[in-house]
C-alpha cells in the first residue's frame, strides 16, 4: 500500500544510504554485540559520519537541519534489519530534543555538535528503583548551594547507561519540584552500576546509575529550575510515537523472515505456507500491520504540523507495540521447535519485543491517557 506520507526524492536517496548503513555496519555485527552486551562506540562515530545522528538539529549546532521524516527513515531502516542494540532513536528522537528545545544557546553549542558526530552519546535518567513510571515519586535529591547543585540518589533501567557521555537526569528539590540537569562523564561522585542482564535487547546496555554528592554547576540545568516535570510531559508524545513507528517496522521484519520460512519449510508433504490456518493467520497479521502503518503515518503528519498528539501517540504506542508482541509470538509458532532456538532471528525478535509494551509508559498507562481524553 502506498504511504500517505509524501517522501521526496531527497528522502528516498537518504533512505537508500541509511539502509546500506544498517545492512553493512549494524546487521552483520549484531550477534557479536549481543554476546558482549554492548555496542562499540565506533558505530556511533560511523553513524555521525554518515549524517544519521540528530539530522533534524539545526546546522549551526552540527546537524543537517532536516525535517523529522529523516528521523523516521532512520527508525524504519534500523528496525527492518532487526537492530535492537544500537539505540540510535533514543539518542536522536527522545533525548536530543530536550537539549534542542529547552537548553540555552551556550548549552546547545557546548553539547549538540558532539551529539551529531557521535563523540557524545546521550542517555536520560528518570526511572528509579522505587518510582518506575511515577515521576512524582522521584527521590534523587538536588540541594541548592548557590552556584551549583549537589545531587544524591540512584537511577535504574537507564538505556545507553554504560556508553553515555551526557545524561539528562531528573532530580527533585526540597520544595517537591523537578529539574533536569546534565550529568557529564567524569563528574566526581557519579558512578555507573552493572550492565543489567535482560531477557531481550541483549546488545543494548541498560544500567544502574549512582550519584554521591555530585557537584553540578547551575550552567548544567536545562531550562528553568523546577520545570522538569513539565518538560518531560511535553516530550513524551514524540517518544511514544517513535516507539510505535519502530514497532511497526520491527513487525514488518518479523513478517518478512516468517514468510520466507513458511514458503520453504515442508510438513506432511506440503509447504507450511500452503495450510489454510497459516494463510489466514498471515492474512490477518498483514492487514493489521497495514492499518497500524496508516495510523502511525497520520500521527507523524499531525506531529510535523505542530499539533498536540498526546492521545494519538498513546493510541499508536499501545496498539503497535501490542501488535508487535502478538505477531512475533504467532509467527514464532510457525517455526515450531526451531523458533525456540536462538540461532533463528525469530527467537531474538520474540525476546526483544517483550519490552515494547513496558517502557515509555506501559500499555495500561496509554489506555488511561486515552480513557481520560474520553471524559472518563
Protein backbone atom coordinates (compact mmCIF):
# COMPACT_ATOMS: atom_id res chain seq x y z
CA UNK A 1 0.00 0.00 0.00
CA UNK A 2 1.28 3.47 -0.86
CA UNK A 3 2.26 5.54 2.17
CA UNK A 4 0.16 8.59 2.99
CA UNK A 5 3.38 10.39 3.86
CA UNK A 6 4.91 12.16 0.88
CA UNK A 7 8.60 11.30 0.76
CA UNK A 8 10.65 13.41 -1.65
CA UNK A 9 13.43 12.18 -3.90
CA UNK A 10 15.90 13.51 -1.31
CA UNK A 11 14.15 11.43 1.35
CA UNK A 12 14.36 8.34 -0.86
CA UNK A 13 18.06 8.87 -1.50
CA UNK A 14 18.64 9.26 2.22
CA UNK A 15 16.73 6.02 2.82
CA UNK A 16 18.97 4.14 0.38
CA UNK A 17 22.07 5.41 2.17
CA UNK A 18 20.57 4.65 5.59
CA UNK A 19 19.54 1.14 4.54
CA UNK A 20 23.05 0.43 3.31
CA UNK A 21 24.50 1.63 6.61
CA UNK A 22 22.32 -0.65 8.71
CA UNK A 23 22.84 -3.59 6.37
CA UNK A 24 26.64 -3.25 6.39
CA UNK A 25 27.55 -1.59 9.70
CA UNK A 26 24.91 -2.97 12.07
CA UNK A 27 23.25 -6.21 10.97
CA UNK A 28 26.46 -8.25 10.40
CA UNK A 29 27.80 -7.34 13.85
CA UNK A 30 24.67 -7.65 15.94
CA UNK A 31 25.35 -11.20 17.12
CA UNK A 32 28.78 -10.31 18.49
CA UNK A 33 27.32 -7.23 20.16
CA UNK A 34 24.73 -9.42 21.84
CA UNK A 35 27.48 -11.62 23.25
CA UNK A 36 29.33 -8.54 24.51
CA UNK A 37 26.08 -6.99 25.86
CA UNK A 38 27.11 -3.65 24.39
CA UNK A 39 27.77 -1.99 21.03
CA UNK A 40 31.12 -0.31 20.33
CA UNK A 41 31.39 3.45 20.34
CA UNK A 42 32.89 3.20 16.86
CA UNK A 43 29.47 2.52 15.32
CA UNK A 44 28.21 5.80 16.81
CA UNK A 45 31.09 7.65 15.13
CA UNK A 46 30.31 5.96 11.80
CA UNK A 47 26.66 6.92 12.13
CA UNK A 48 27.72 10.50 12.76
CA UNK A 49 29.98 10.49 9.71
CA UNK A 50 27.01 9.37 7.62
CA UNK A 51 24.69 12.08 8.94
CA UNK A 52 22.49 9.66 10.87
CA UNK A 53 22.78 11.33 14.25
CA UNK A 54 20.37 14.16 15.06
CA UNK A 55 19.61 15.04 11.42
CA UNK A 56 16.85 17.46 12.46
CA UNK A 57 19.19 19.52 14.65
CA UNK A 58 19.92 22.94 13.06
CA UNK A 59 23.15 23.26 11.09
CA UNK A 60 24.62 25.83 13.48
CA UNK A 61 24.72 23.10 16.15
CA UNK A 62 26.17 20.39 13.93
CA UNK A 63 23.04 18.80 12.48
CA UNK A 64 21.64 18.86 8.97
CA UNK A 65 18.56 20.96 9.71
CA UNK A 66 16.49 18.25 8.05
CA UNK A 67 12.79 17.63 8.64
CA UNK A 68 11.50 14.95 11.01
CA UNK A 69 10.92 12.47 8.17
CA UNK A 70 14.67 11.90 8.07
CA UNK A 71 14.46 10.71 11.68
CA UNK A 72 11.54 8.46 10.75
CA UNK A 73 13.55 6.91 7.91
CA UNK A 74 16.39 6.09 10.31
CA UNK A 75 13.97 4.42 12.74
CA UNK A 76 12.36 2.37 9.99
CA UNK A 77 15.61 1.17 8.44
CA UNK A 78 17.02 0.32 11.86
CA UNK A 79 14.00 -1.84 12.72
CA UNK A 80 13.92 -3.53 9.32
CA UNK A 81 17.28 -5.26 9.94
CA UNK A 82 16.23 -6.39 13.40
CA UNK A 83 18.52 -3.91 15.18
CA UNK A 84 17.80 -3.81 18.91
CA UNK A 85 21.22 -2.95 20.30
CA UNK A 86 22.29 0.28 18.65
CA UNK A 87 19.76 2.61 20.33
CA UNK A 88 20.06 5.41 17.81
CA UNK A 89 16.43 6.55 18.11
CA UNK A 90 16.78 7.11 21.84
CA UNK A 91 19.67 9.46 21.12
CA UNK A 92 18.07 11.19 18.11
CA UNK A 93 14.38 11.34 18.87
CA UNK A 94 13.99 11.16 22.63
CA UNK A 95 16.94 12.88 24.31
CA UNK A 96 18.47 15.34 21.84
CA UNK A 97 15.11 17.18 21.55
CA UNK A 98 15.32 18.16 25.23
CA UNK A 99 18.58 19.97 24.51
CA UNK A 100 17.33 21.45 21.24
CA UNK A 101 14.11 22.73 22.83
CA UNK A 102 14.94 23.70 26.41
CA UNK A 103 18.69 24.30 26.60
CA UNK A 104 20.09 27.81 26.31
CA UNK A 105 22.35 28.91 23.47
CA UNK A 106 25.59 28.22 25.33
CA UNK A 107 24.45 24.72 26.26
CA UNK A 108 23.37 23.91 22.72
CA UNK A 109 26.75 24.95 21.34
CA UNK A 110 28.52 23.01 24.09
CA UNK A 111 26.64 19.72 23.79
CA UNK A 112 24.90 19.30 20.44
CA UNK A 113 27.82 19.26 17.95
CA UNK A 114 29.38 16.21 19.60
CA UNK A 115 25.95 14.55 19.77
CA UNK A 116 25.79 14.93 15.98
CA UNK A 117 29.24 13.43 15.37
CA UNK A 118 28.84 10.53 17.80
CA UNK A 119 31.58 11.81 20.09
CA UNK A 120 28.95 12.21 22.81
CA UNK A 121 26.28 9.56 23.39
CA UNK A 122 23.09 10.55 25.19
CA UNK A 123 21.05 8.91 27.93
CA UNK A 124 18.15 10.11 30.05
CA UNK A 125 17.81 9.11 33.71
CA UNK A 126 14.27 9.22 35.03
CA UNK A 127 13.38 5.77 36.37
CA UNK A 128 14.34 4.94 39.95
CA UNK A 129 14.22 1.66 41.90
CA UNK A 130 11.15 2.79 43.84
CA UNK A 131 9.47 5.10 41.34
CA UNK A 132 9.04 3.38 37.97
CA UNK A 133 6.66 5.40 35.81
CA UNK A 134 5.62 7.64 38.73
CA UNK A 135 7.81 10.70 38.24
CA UNK A 136 6.27 12.48 41.21
CA UNK A 137 7.80 9.82 43.48
CA UNK A 138 11.39 10.62 42.48
CA UNK A 139 13.86 10.56 45.36
CA UNK A 140 17.09 11.69 43.70
CA UNK A 141 17.70 14.95 45.52
CA UNK A 142 19.23 18.21 44.32
CA UNK A 143 20.33 20.57 47.08
CA UNK A 144 20.81 24.18 46.01
CA UNK A 145 24.23 25.51 47.04
CA UNK A 146 24.09 28.85 45.27
CA UNK A 147 26.11 28.48 42.09
CA UNK A 148 25.77 24.69 41.98
CA UNK A 149 23.59 21.75 42.96
CA UNK A 150 24.61 18.71 44.98
CA UNK A 151 22.99 15.55 43.64
CA UNK A 152 22.39 12.36 45.63
CA UNK A 153 20.37 9.33 44.59
CA UNK A 154 20.20 6.48 42.09
CA UNK A 155 18.55 5.54 38.81
CA UNK A 156 17.86 2.21 37.17
CA UNK A 157 16.94 0.73 33.77
CA UNK A 158 18.88 3.52 32.03
CA UNK A 159 19.33 2.77 28.33
CA UNK A 160 22.78 3.72 26.96
CA UNK A 161 23.80 3.87 30.62
CA UNK A 162 27.25 2.35 30.11
CA UNK A 163 28.10 4.24 26.93
CA UNK A 164 26.59 7.65 27.64
CA UNK A 165 28.80 10.71 27.93
CA UNK A 166 25.89 13.07 28.66
CA UNK A 167 22.98 12.04 30.87
CA UNK A 168 19.92 14.23 31.31
CA UNK A 169 18.89 13.47 34.89
CA UNK A 170 15.61 14.20 36.64
CA UNK A 171 16.17 15.47 40.17
CA UNK A 172 13.86 16.69 42.93
CA UNK A 173 14.24 19.85 45.02
CA UNK A 174 13.27 20.39 48.65
CA UNK A 175 10.04 22.09 47.53
CA UNK A 176 8.99 18.99 45.59
CA UNK A 177 9.58 20.41 42.11
CA UNK A 178 11.66 18.58 39.49
CA UNK A 179 14.52 19.88 37.37
CA UNK A 180 16.50 18.40 34.52
CA UNK A 181 20.28 18.58 34.91
CA UNK A 182 23.04 17.35 32.64
CA UNK A 183 25.39 14.91 34.30
CA UNK A 184 28.62 14.66 32.33
CA UNK A 185 31.11 11.82 32.13
CA UNK A 186 33.88 12.33 34.67
CA UNK A 187 31.92 14.29 37.26
CA UNK A 188 33.17 13.34 40.74
CA UNK A 189 30.69 11.16 42.63
CA UNK A 190 28.93 9.89 39.51
CA UNK A 191 29.20 6.11 39.18
CA UNK A 192 27.81 3.55 36.77
CA UNK A 193 26.47 0.33 38.23
CA UNK A 194 26.26 -3.01 36.48
CA UNK A 195 25.13 -3.53 32.92
CA UNK A 196 21.78 -5.17 33.64
CA UNK A 197 21.10 -8.66 32.28
CA UNK A 198 17.78 -8.51 30.40
CA UNK A 199 15.70 -11.21 28.73
CA UNK A 200 15.93 -9.29 25.45
CA UNK A 201 17.77 -6.34 23.90
CA UNK A 202 20.97 -8.17 24.80
CA UNK A 203 23.22 -5.88 22.75
CA UNK A 204 21.81 -2.75 24.35
CA UNK A 205 23.48 -1.53 27.54
CA UNK A 206 21.00 -0.84 30.34
CA UNK A 207 22.45 0.33 33.62
CA UNK A 208 22.10 1.42 37.17
CA UNK A 209 23.49 4.88 37.93
CA UNK A 210 24.56 6.31 41.28
CA UNK A 211 25.09 9.89 42.43
CA UNK A 212 27.10 10.51 45.58
CA UNK A 213 27.41 14.24 46.35
CA UNK A 214 27.80 15.03 42.66
CA UNK A 215 28.51 18.73 42.20
CA UNK A 216 26.67 20.03 39.15
CA UNK A 217 27.12 23.68 38.14
CA UNK A 218 23.89 25.53 37.52
CA UNK A 219 25.14 26.04 33.97
CA UNK A 220 24.10 22.41 33.51
CA UNK A 221 20.46 22.95 34.48
CA UNK A 222 18.36 22.51 31.36
CA UNK A 223 15.64 25.12 31.02
CA UNK A 224 14.20 26.66 34.15
CA UNK A 225 14.70 25.26 37.63
CA UNK A 226 11.64 23.37 38.84
CA UNK A 227 10.11 22.95 35.37
CA UNK A 228 11.46 19.47 34.66
CA UNK A 229 8.17 17.63 35.10
CA UNK A 230 6.50 19.87 32.52
CA UNK A 231 9.37 19.40 30.08
CA UNK A 232 9.20 15.62 30.44
CA UNK A 233 5.46 15.57 29.83
CA UNK A 234 5.79 17.74 26.73
CA UNK A 235 8.28 15.37 25.07
CA UNK A 236 6.63 12.06 25.90
CA UNK A 237 4.31 12.16 22.88
CA UNK A 238 7.22 12.10 20.42
CA UNK A 239 8.93 9.33 22.37
CA UNK A 240 5.79 7.19 22.21
CA UNK A 241 5.25 7.96 18.54
CA UNK A 242 8.76 6.87 17.52
CA UNK A 243 8.37 3.67 19.54
CA UNK A 244 5.19 2.95 17.62
CA UNK A 245 6.98 3.58 14.32
CA UNK A 246 9.77 1.21 15.38
CA UNK A 247 7.22 -1.41 16.42
CA UNK A 248 5.53 -1.31 13.02
CA UNK A 249 8.78 -1.91 11.15
CA UNK A 250 10.02 -4.49 13.63
CA UNK A 251 6.76 -6.35 12.96
CA UNK A 252 7.33 -5.97 9.22
CA UNK A 253 10.77 -7.55 9.69
CA UNK A 254 9.21 -10.48 11.57
CA UNK A 255 6.63 -10.97 8.81
CA UNK A 256 9.41 -10.98 6.20
CA UNK A 257 11.51 -13.69 7.83
CA UNK A 258 8.37 -15.72 8.60
CA UNK A 259 7.10 -15.58 5.01
CA UNK A 260 10.47 -16.71 3.76
CA UNK A 261 10.43 -19.66 6.18
CA UNK A 262 6.88 -20.86 5.54
CA UNK A 263 7.40 -20.73 1.77
CA UNK A 264 10.39 -23.05 2.08
CA UNK A 265 9.65 -25.33 5.06
CA UNK A 266 7.65 -28.51 4.43
CA UNK A 267 5.44 -30.53 6.77
CA UNK A 268 3.28 -33.53 5.87
CA UNK A 269 4.45 -33.23 2.29
CA UNK A 270 3.31 -29.61 1.88
CA UNK A 271 4.79 -26.17 2.38
CA UNK A 272 3.77 -24.74 5.75
CA UNK A 273 2.52 -21.65 3.97
CA UNK A 274 0.01 -23.67 1.97
CA UNK A 275 -2.04 -24.70 5.04
CA UNK A 276 -5.25 -22.72 5.45
CA UNK A 277 -4.53 -21.79 9.06
CA UNK A 278 -1.16 -20.36 8.06
CA UNK A 279 -2.68 -18.37 5.21
CA UNK A 280 -5.44 -16.97 7.39
CA UNK A 281 -3.07 -16.02 10.21
CA UNK A 282 -0.65 -14.29 7.85
CA UNK A 283 -3.53 -12.52 6.10
CA UNK A 284 -4.87 -11.23 9.41
CA UNK A 285 -1.45 -10.03 10.51
CA UNK A 286 -0.70 -8.37 7.16
CA UNK A 287 -3.98 -6.45 7.40
CA UNK A 288 -3.33 -5.31 10.97
CA UNK A 289 0.17 -4.21 10.01
CA UNK A 290 -1.05 -2.02 7.15
CA UNK A 291 -3.72 -0.44 9.35
CA UNK A 292 -1.13 0.32 12.03
CA UNK A 293 1.15 1.83 9.38
CA UNK A 294 -1.55 4.22 8.19
CA UNK A 295 -2.41 5.31 11.72
CA UNK A 296 1.24 5.95 12.59
CA UNK A 297 1.77 7.85 9.35
CA UNK A 298 -1.18 10.09 10.11
CA UNK A 299 0.16 10.72 13.63
CA UNK A 300 3.53 11.64 12.11
CA UNK A 301 1.83 14.14 9.78
CA UNK A 302 -0.04 15.75 12.68
CA UNK A 303 3.12 15.89 14.77
CA UNK A 304 5.05 17.58 11.97
CA UNK A 305 2.30 20.19 11.74
CA UNK A 306 2.89 21.00 15.40
CA UNK A 307 -0.41 19.60 16.64
CA UNK A 308 -0.85 18.07 20.08
CA UNK A 309 -0.78 14.30 19.56
CA UNK A 310 -0.74 13.14 23.18
CA UNK A 311 -3.77 10.89 22.65
CA UNK A 312 -2.86 9.75 19.15
CA UNK A 313 0.69 8.87 20.23
CA UNK A 314 -0.70 6.88 23.16
CA UNK A 315 -3.04 5.02 20.80
CA UNK A 316 -0.24 4.33 18.35
CA UNK A 317 2.15 3.20 21.07
CA UNK A 318 -0.17 0.74 22.76
CA UNK A 319 -1.59 -0.69 19.55
CA UNK A 320 1.65 -1.03 17.59
CA UNK A 321 3.69 -2.47 20.44
CA UNK A 322 0.98 -4.93 21.47
CA UNK A 323 0.69 -5.90 17.80
CA UNK A 324 4.45 -6.45 17.58
CA UNK A 325 4.42 -8.67 20.65
CA UNK A 326 1.41 -10.68 19.48
CA UNK A 327 2.50 -11.07 15.86
CA UNK A 328 6.00 -12.15 16.86
CA UNK A 329 4.52 -14.81 19.10
CA UNK A 330 2.21 -16.07 16.36
CA UNK A 331 4.99 -16.08 13.77
CA UNK A 332 7.31 -18.00 16.08
CA UNK A 333 4.67 -20.74 16.24
CA UNK A 334 5.13 -21.41 12.51
CA UNK A 335 8.80 -22.17 13.11
CA UNK A 336 7.97 -24.97 15.52
CA UNK A 337 10.93 -26.09 17.63
CA UNK A 338 13.33 -24.07 15.51
CA UNK A 339 11.60 -20.92 16.67
CA UNK A 340 12.79 -21.70 20.19
CA UNK A 341 16.42 -21.79 19.10
CA UNK A 342 18.42 -18.59 19.50
CA UNK A 343 20.22 -19.19 16.20
CA UNK A 344 16.95 -18.27 14.46
CA UNK A 345 16.23 -14.49 14.26
CA UNK A 346 12.60 -15.07 15.24
CA UNK A 347 13.71 -16.18 18.71
CA UNK A 348 15.60 -12.95 19.35
CA UNK A 349 12.75 -10.92 17.91
CA UNK A 350 10.38 -12.64 20.34
CA UNK A 351 12.52 -11.71 23.35
CA UNK A 352 13.21 -8.18 22.12
CA UNK A 353 9.51 -7.46 21.56
CA UNK A 354 8.53 -8.02 25.18
CA UNK A 355 9.84 -4.68 26.49
CA UNK A 356 7.93 -2.65 23.91
CA UNK A 357 4.68 -2.59 25.89
CA UNK A 358 6.50 -1.54 29.07
CA UNK A 359 8.97 1.30 28.54
CA UNK A 360 8.00 4.91 27.78
CA UNK A 361 4.69 4.18 29.51
CA UNK A 362 3.03 0.80 29.80
CA UNK A 363 0.04 -0.23 27.73
CA UNK A 364 -2.11 0.33 30.80
CA UNK A 365 -0.90 3.92 31.13
CA UNK A 366 -1.55 4.51 27.42
CA UNK A 367 -5.13 3.32 27.88
CA UNK A 368 -5.52 5.51 30.95
CA UNK A 369 -4.50 8.58 28.90
CA UNK A 370 -6.91 7.63 26.11
CA UNK A 371 -9.69 7.00 28.61
CA UNK A 372 -9.24 10.42 30.18
CA UNK A 373 -9.49 12.01 26.73
CA UNK A 374 -12.97 10.48 26.52
CA UNK A 375 -14.00 12.24 29.71
CA UNK A 376 -13.77 9.07 31.81
